[in-house]
Amino acid sequence: MNKKIYVIGVLLLVLASAIVKAQEVTKPTQGDEKIISATNLVTVNVIVTDSSGNYVQGLRREQFAVTDEKVKQQIAHFSDEAAPVSVAIVCELHNSSVARTRAMLTALKQFTRGLNTTDDFFFLAFSSQGSVASEFVPTADQVLDHLANVKPGGPGSLYDAVYLAADRLRKARNLKKTILIVSDGEDESSRTTFKELRNRLREFDVQIYAVGIANPAIAQTANYGRWEYEDVTRQTGRRHFANESSMGRAVLAEMARVSGGATYFPESENEPGLAGIFAQISLELRHQYTIGFYSTEQNTRNEWHRIRVHANAGSRQLELSYRQGYRRANR
């Protein structure tokens, strides 16, 4: 019996010694930790179309070139397959337009039914009364009754709602992430400023698709030229908004443009019109190239890094849509 105990003791000592050695081998040195923290993969989803607006498929890795702050980068990851996507649906509700709410939610149900089994989504509806979130698209009656009879709390305006959705989306399982916003773009009571929201969205790769629900008879197109990376909610000498509606359109367009997404302003807000737009967004999510690189640009003076992607297809004219850059997180 004593011999058996002795053998077991020896085995335990050998096992413990092996574990300690394994930990010593796998434990990174201080220098290794610095290398790991400095080599974050930057991913960019790229939509390529021709002069007729048709999606261009079949391009190879060597036909693309990426620069970070004008420094050419080596492409470490490339895929032209439809990757799983996590979607945050953020909808603004107006109690005075129940018919529009019904049409919007019915069209969104069709959109979510078209998602693949590897995709996932969550739904967040907000109004001046608060917000409600769910893992499914509810009916108009369910949402409006909840907001009318329950004190849900949560964000009651656009910037706060998108900020909350972005935080939750960041923890989603899929690498590819999208926020689908259905709103007039106007914000009245958010604690979050547009600048804070913009910086939050820049910290990770997320595409924004926006569907403007402003009344076309009221909304007026803002007279603006090329957008700068600044708070578009501030009127400047170069930019003037005729009214809140035109500023709301500008906000939606800017968020989508910088993220490499798109903005749609439907002529009519009925179910067929909205379903057509959501189907177009679903199609676009499936026709993207994903490019990844480990940035060699070490300039830490600017947290915002501008990205440029080029594609070469000979004499064929191509249009590329992708996020305009990424924000280097504070360390």
Protein backbone atom coordinates (compact mmCIF):
# COMPACT_ATOMS: atom_id res chain seq x y z
CA MET A 1 0.00 0.00 0.00
CA ASN A 2 2.83 2.37 0.88
CA LYS A 3 4.51 1.53 -2.43
CA LYS A 4 1.35 2.43 -4.33
CA ILE A 5 1.06 5.73 -2.49
CA TYR A 6 4.69 6.45 -3.28
CA VAL A 7 4.14 5.74 -7.02
CA ILE A 8 1.04 7.92 -7.11
CA GLY A 9 2.93 10.71 -5.37
CA VAL A 10 5.74 10.50 -7.91
CA LEU A 11 3.24 10.62 -10.79
CA LEU A 12 1.57 13.69 -9.32
CA LEU A 13 4.92 15.43 -8.95
CA VAL A 14 5.84 14.62 -12.57
CA LEU A 15 2.45 15.87 -13.79
CA ALA A 16 2.74 19.09 -11.77
CA SER A 17 6.25 19.65 -13.13
CA ALA A 18 4.98 19.17 -16.70
CA ILE A 19 2.18 21.68 -16.15
CA VAL A 20 4.59 24.27 -14.76
CA LYS A 21 6.95 23.79 -17.71
CA ALA A 22 4.05 24.06 -20.17
CA GLN A 23 2.97 27.29 -18.54
CA GLU A 24 6.53 28.60 -18.71
CA VAL A 25 6.74 27.73 -22.42
CA THR A 26 3.36 29.21 -23.36
CA LYS A 27 3.57 32.28 -21.16
CA PRO A 28 4.43 35.24 -23.43
CA THR A 29 7.31 37.48 -22.57
CA GLN A 30 6.76 41.16 -22.01
CA GLY A 31 8.03 41.83 -25.52
CA ASP A 32 5.62 39.28 -27.00
CA GLU A 33 2.68 41.00 -25.28
CA LYS A 34 3.63 44.29 -26.91
CA ILE A 35 3.80 42.63 -30.32
CA ILE A 36 0.39 41.04 -29.91
CA SER A 37 -1.27 44.28 -28.79
CA ALA A 38 0.26 46.19 -31.70
CA THR A 39 -0.90 43.82 -34.43
CA ASN A 40 -4.67 44.12 -34.48
CA LEU A 41 -6.30 42.85 -37.63
CA VAL A 42 -8.18 45.57 -39.52
CA THR A 43 -10.99 44.20 -41.68
CA VAL A 44 -12.72 46.03 -44.50
CA ASN A 45 -15.82 44.91 -46.39
CA VAL A 46 -15.69 46.09 -49.99
CA ILE A 47 -18.57 46.28 -52.46
CA VAL A 48 -17.45 46.37 -56.11
CA THR A 49 -19.78 47.40 -58.93
CA ASP A 50 -19.28 48.25 -62.58
CA SER A 51 -20.37 51.39 -64.43
CA SER A 52 -23.90 49.93 -64.77
CA GLY A 53 -24.23 49.27 -61.04
CA ASN A 54 -23.88 45.49 -61.33
CA TYR A 55 -21.96 43.61 -58.65
CA VAL A 56 -18.52 42.46 -59.78
CA GLN A 57 -17.56 39.00 -58.55
CA GLY A 58 -14.52 36.82 -59.16
CA LEU A 59 -11.79 39.34 -58.37
CA ARG A 60 -8.63 37.90 -56.81
CA ARG A 61 -6.53 39.01 -53.86
CA GLU A 62 -3.74 40.34 -56.09
CA GLN A 63 -6.18 42.66 -57.86
CA PHE A 64 -6.71 44.66 -54.66
CA ALA A 65 -4.42 47.18 -52.98
CA VAL A 66 -4.92 48.77 -49.54
CA THR A 67 -3.27 51.81 -48.00
CA ASP A 68 -3.42 53.03 -44.40
CA GLU A 69 -2.56 56.72 -44.15
CA LYS A 70 -1.07 56.39 -47.68
CA VAL A 71 1.19 53.51 -46.56
CA LYS A 72 0.64 50.37 -48.63
CA GLN A 73 -0.41 47.36 -46.55
CA GLN A 74 0.01 43.66 -47.11
CA ILE A 75 -3.31 41.85 -47.40
CA ALA A 76 -3.29 39.12 -44.75
CA HIS A 77 -6.88 37.94 -45.19
CA PHE A 78 -9.07 37.83 -48.30
CA SER A 79 -12.47 36.30 -48.93
CA ASP A 80 -15.11 36.68 -51.61
CA GLU A 81 -17.61 34.35 -49.93
CA ALA A 82 -20.78 35.44 -48.18
CA ALA A 83 -19.76 35.48 -44.51
CA PRO A 84 -22.23 35.17 -41.60
CA VAL A 85 -23.47 38.54 -40.41
CA SER A 86 -24.84 39.90 -37.13
CA VAL A 87 -27.45 42.62 -37.65
CA ALA A 88 -28.76 45.25 -35.26
CA ILE A 89 -32.12 46.65 -36.41
CA VAL A 90 -32.83 50.09 -34.94
CA CYS A 91 -36.27 51.53 -35.71
CA GLU A 92 -37.87 54.83 -34.82
CA LEU A 93 -41.61 54.74 -34.15
CA HIS A 94 -44.12 57.56 -34.38
CA ASN A 95 -47.47 57.00 -32.68
CA SER A 96 -49.19 59.21 -35.23
CA SER A 97 -48.27 56.88 -38.12
CA VAL A 98 -49.41 53.39 -37.13
CA ALA A 99 -49.95 52.38 -40.78
CA ARG A 100 -46.34 53.22 -41.60
CA THR A 101 -45.18 51.28 -38.53
CA ARG A 102 -47.14 48.22 -39.65
CA ALA A 103 -45.67 48.43 -43.15
CA MET A 104 -42.14 48.86 -41.81
CA LEU A 105 -42.32 45.93 -39.39
CA THR A 106 -43.92 43.62 -41.97
CA ALA A 107 -41.16 44.42 -44.44
CA LEU A 108 -38.52 43.86 -41.75
CA LYS A 109 -40.00 40.43 -40.99
CA GLN A 110 -39.45 39.49 -44.63
CA PHE A 111 -35.89 40.75 -44.36
CA THR A 112 -35.10 38.64 -41.26
CA ARG A 113 -36.73 35.55 -42.80
CA GLY A 114 -34.20 35.84 -45.62
CA LEU A 115 -31.21 35.68 -43.25
CA ASN A 116 -29.16 32.51 -43.17
CA THR A 117 -29.09 30.13 -40.23
CA THR A 118 -25.55 31.30 -39.41
CA ASP A 119 -26.72 34.93 -39.23
CA ASP A 120 -28.24 36.52 -36.14
CA PHE A 121 -30.05 39.76 -35.34
CA PHE A 122 -31.75 41.72 -32.62
CA PHE A 123 -34.43 44.38 -32.86
CA LEU A 124 -34.57 47.70 -31.00
CA ALA A 125 -37.49 50.09 -31.40
CA PHE A 126 -37.49 53.53 -29.82
CA SER A 127 -39.76 56.53 -29.50
CA SER A 128 -40.04 59.53 -27.21
CA GLN A 129 -41.61 57.16 -24.65
CA GLY A 130 -38.59 54.88 -24.43
CA SER A 131 -37.44 51.74 -26.17
CA VAL A 132 -38.07 48.01 -26.44
CA ALA A 133 -35.61 45.33 -27.55
CA SER A 134 -36.23 41.74 -28.64
CA GLU A 135 -34.67 38.84 -30.53
CA PHE A 136 -37.52 38.90 -33.06
CA VAL A 137 -39.46 41.51 -35.03
CA PRO A 138 -42.73 42.11 -33.13
CA THR A 139 -46.00 43.29 -34.59
CA ALA A 140 -46.95 46.96 -34.52
CA ASP A 141 -49.55 46.29 -31.82
CA GLN A 142 -47.00 44.54 -29.61
CA VAL A 143 -44.51 47.41 -29.84
CA LEU A 144 -46.99 50.25 -29.48
CA ASP A 145 -48.85 48.57 -26.61
CA HIS A 146 -45.58 47.98 -24.78
CA LEU A 147 -44.47 51.58 -25.16
CA ALA A 148 -47.91 52.88 -24.17
CA ASN A 149 -48.56 50.66 -21.14
CA VAL A 150 -45.11 49.85 -19.79
CA LYS A 151 -42.36 52.14 -18.66
CA PRO A 152 -39.52 50.52 -20.60
CA GLY A 153 -36.89 53.17 -20.01
CA GLY A 154 -33.85 53.00 -22.25
CA PRO A 155 -33.00 55.36 -25.09
CA GLY A 156 -35.76 57.53 -26.48
CA SER A 157 -33.86 59.20 -29.29
CA LEU A 158 -31.68 58.22 -32.24
CA TYR A 159 -28.08 58.70 -31.07
CA ASP A 160 -28.65 56.96 -27.74
CA ALA A 161 -30.45 54.07 -29.46
CA VAL A 162 -27.70 53.52 -32.04
CA TYR A 163 -25.01 53.80 -29.35
CA LEU A 164 -26.75 51.14 -27.25
CA ALA A 165 -27.21 48.88 -30.30
CA ALA A 166 -23.55 49.27 -31.27
CA ASP A 167 -22.42 48.21 -27.78
CA ARG A 168 -24.56 45.10 -27.93
CA LEU A 169 -23.58 44.32 -31.52
CA ARG A 170 -19.93 44.51 -30.61
CA LYS A 171 -20.40 41.37 -28.50
CA ALA A 172 -22.16 39.47 -31.31
CA ARG A 173 -20.67 36.18 -32.46
CA ASN A 174 -20.07 37.02 -36.14
CA LEU A 175 -17.09 39.03 -37.32
CA LYS A 176 -19.20 40.82 -39.92
CA LYS A 177 -21.57 43.31 -38.29
CA THR A 178 -24.25 45.61 -39.66
CA ILE A 179 -26.59 48.22 -38.19
CA LEU A 180 -29.83 48.79 -40.09
CA ILE A 181 -31.37 52.13 -39.07
CA VAL A 182 -34.93 53.11 -39.97
CA SER A 183 -35.39 56.70 -38.84
CA ASP A 184 -35.86 60.29 -39.94
CA GLY A 185 -32.35 61.00 -38.66
CA GLU A 186 -33.50 63.73 -36.30
CA ASP A 187 -32.43 63.70 -32.67
CA GLU A 188 -34.03 65.71 -29.92
CA SER A 189 -33.06 64.38 -26.51
CA SER A 190 -30.04 62.06 -26.66
CA ARG A 191 -27.33 62.36 -24.06
CA THR A 192 -24.93 61.02 -26.68
CA THR A 193 -23.63 63.61 -29.15
CA PHE A 194 -23.13 62.83 -32.81
CA LYS A 195 -19.36 63.08 -32.32
CA GLU A 196 -19.43 60.55 -29.47
CA LEU A 197 -21.57 58.20 -31.53
CA ARG A 198 -19.32 58.56 -34.58
CA ASN A 199 -16.20 57.78 -32.53
CA ARG A 200 -17.88 54.76 -30.98
CA LEU A 201 -18.81 53.37 -34.39
CA ARG A 202 -15.29 53.96 -35.69
CA GLU A 203 -13.77 51.73 -33.00
CA PHE A 204 -14.87 48.55 -34.75
CA ASP A 205 -15.81 47.48 -38.25
CA VAL A 206 -19.55 47.93 -38.65
CA GLN A 207 -21.49 48.79 -41.79
CA ILE A 208 -24.46 51.08 -41.46
CA TYR A 209 -27.46 50.97 -43.75
CA ALA A 210 -30.01 53.71 -43.19
CA VAL A 211 -33.56 54.00 -44.48
CA GLY A 212 -34.88 57.54 -44.10
CA ILE A 213 -38.57 57.72 -43.23
CA ALA A 214 -38.91 61.49 -43.42
CA ASN A 215 -41.92 62.75 -45.35
CA PRO A 216 -40.66 63.55 -48.88
CA ALA A 217 -43.14 66.43 -49.10
CA ILE A 218 -41.55 68.09 -46.08
CA ALA A 219 -37.92 67.05 -46.29
CA GLN A 220 -35.62 69.18 -48.39
CA THR A 221 -32.26 68.07 -49.69
CA ALA A 222 -29.42 69.87 -47.94
CA ASN A 223 -26.99 71.79 -50.13
CA TYR A 224 -23.70 70.24 -49.19
CA GLY A 225 -20.58 69.17 -51.00
CA ARG A 226 -18.01 66.65 -49.86
CA TRP A 227 -18.47 65.70 -46.21
CA GLU A 228 -15.61 66.22 -43.79
CA TYR A 229 -14.90 64.08 -40.72
CA GLU A 230 -16.58 66.36 -38.25
CA ASP A 231 -19.84 66.81 -36.45
CA VAL A 232 -22.40 67.26 -39.24
CA THR A 233 -24.95 68.44 -36.71
CA ARG A 234 -23.02 71.71 -36.42
CA GLN A 235 -23.90 74.24 -39.07
CA THR A 236 -20.85 75.92 -40.55
CA GLY A 237 -20.19 78.49 -43.21
CA ARG A 238 -19.90 75.72 -45.79
CA ARG A 239 -22.97 73.82 -44.76
CA HIS A 240 -26.49 75.05 -44.15
CA PHE A 241 -29.54 72.95 -43.39
CA ALA A 242 -32.88 74.34 -44.42
CA ASN A 243 -34.66 72.51 -41.58
CA GLU A 244 -34.38 69.63 -39.11
CA SER A 245 -35.48 67.17 -41.77
CA SER A 246 -32.61 68.02 -44.12
CA MET A 247 -30.13 67.76 -41.24
CA GLY A 248 -31.56 64.35 -40.34
CA ARG A 249 -30.98 63.15 -43.88
CA ALA A 250 -27.39 64.42 -43.73
CA VAL A 251 -26.75 62.57 -40.46
CA LEU A 252 -27.99 59.26 -41.89
CA ALA A 253 -26.03 59.73 -45.11
CA GLU A 254 -22.81 60.56 -43.24
CA MET A 255 -22.99 57.56 -40.91
CA ALA A 256 -23.59 55.22 -43.84
CA ARG A 257 -20.94 56.79 -46.09
CA VAL A 258 -18.10 56.62 -43.56
CA SER A 259 -18.94 52.98 -42.71
CA GLY A 260 -19.13 51.80 -46.34
CA GLY A 261 -22.88 51.22 -46.22
CA ALA A 262 -25.69 53.01 -48.02
CA THR A 263 -28.64 55.31 -47.40
CA TYR A 264 -32.09 54.97 -48.94
CA PHE A 265 -34.90 57.50 -48.98
CA PRO A 266 -38.05 55.72 -50.23
CA GLU A 267 -40.50 57.68 -52.31
CA SER A 268 -43.36 55.89 -50.58
CA GLU A 269 -43.29 54.22 -47.19
CA ASN A 270 -45.61 51.32 -47.97
CA GLU A 271 -44.76 47.67 -47.47
CA PRO A 272 -43.72 46.84 -51.08
CA GLY A 273 -41.45 49.88 -51.29
CA LEU A 274 -39.74 49.16 -47.98
CA ALA A 275 -39.48 45.43 -48.68
CA GLY A 276 -37.70 46.22 -51.94
CA ILE A 277 -35.14 48.36 -50.12
CA PHE A 278 -34.54 45.74 -47.41
CA ALA A 279 -34.12 43.08 -50.13
CA GLN A 280 -31.51 45.27 -51.81
CA ILE A 281 -29.62 45.62 -48.52
CA SER A 282 -29.75 41.83 -48.00
CA LEU A 283 -28.38 41.29 -51.51
CA GLU A 284 -25.57 43.76 -50.93
CA LEU A 285 -24.53 42.03 -47.71
CA ARG A 286 -23.98 38.83 -49.74
CA HIS A 287 -21.90 40.46 -52.50
CA GLN A 288 -18.91 41.78 -50.62
CA TYR A 289 -15.22 41.12 -50.50
CA THR A 290 -13.60 40.97 -47.06
CA ILE A 291 -10.02 42.23 -46.81
CA GLY A 292 -7.89 42.13 -43.67
CA PHE A 293 -4.48 43.60 -42.91
CA TYR A 294 -2.21 44.17 -39.93
CA SER A 295 -1.45 47.86 -40.04
CA THR A 296 2.21 48.83 -40.32
CA GLU A 297 1.33 52.51 -39.91
CA GLN A 298 2.63 53.42 -36.45
CA ASN A 299 1.59 57.07 -36.44
CA THR A 300 -0.26 57.35 -33.13
CA ARG A 301 -0.72 61.10 -33.34
CA ASN A 302 -3.95 60.58 -35.27
CA GLU A 303 -6.41 58.10 -33.81
CA TRP A 304 -8.42 58.20 -37.03
CA HIS A 305 -6.70 56.32 -39.85
CA ARG A 306 -7.87 56.82 -43.42
CA ILE A 307 -8.11 53.71 -45.56
CA ARG A 308 -7.98 53.57 -49.35
CA VAL A 309 -8.82 50.44 -51.33
CA HIS A 310 -8.13 50.07 -55.04
CA ALA A 311 -9.13 47.28 -57.42
CA ASN A 312 -7.57 46.64 -60.81
CA ALA A 313 -9.67 44.97 -63.51
CA GLY A 314 -7.80 46.19 -66.58
CA SER A 315 -9.78 48.65 -68.65
CA ARG A 316 -12.99 47.88 -66.77
CA GLN A 317 -14.27 50.81 -64.72
CA LEU A 318 -15.07 49.84 -61.15
CA GLU A 319 -16.81 51.58 -58.26
CA LEU A 320 -15.79 50.60 -54.73
CA SER A 321 -17.74 51.17 -51.54
CA TYR A 322 -16.08 50.55 -48.18
CA ARG A 323 -15.57 52.18 -44.81
CA GLN A 324 -13.37 55.25 -45.03
CA GLY A 325 -11.11 54.40 -42.10
CA TYR A 326 -10.88 53.14 -38.56
CA ARG A 327 -10.31 54.71 -35.20
CA ARG A 328 -7.25 53.58 -33.29
CA ALA A 329 -8.50 52.84 -29.79
CA ASN A 330 -6.79 54.51 -26.84
CA ARG A 331 -4.35 52.24 -25.05
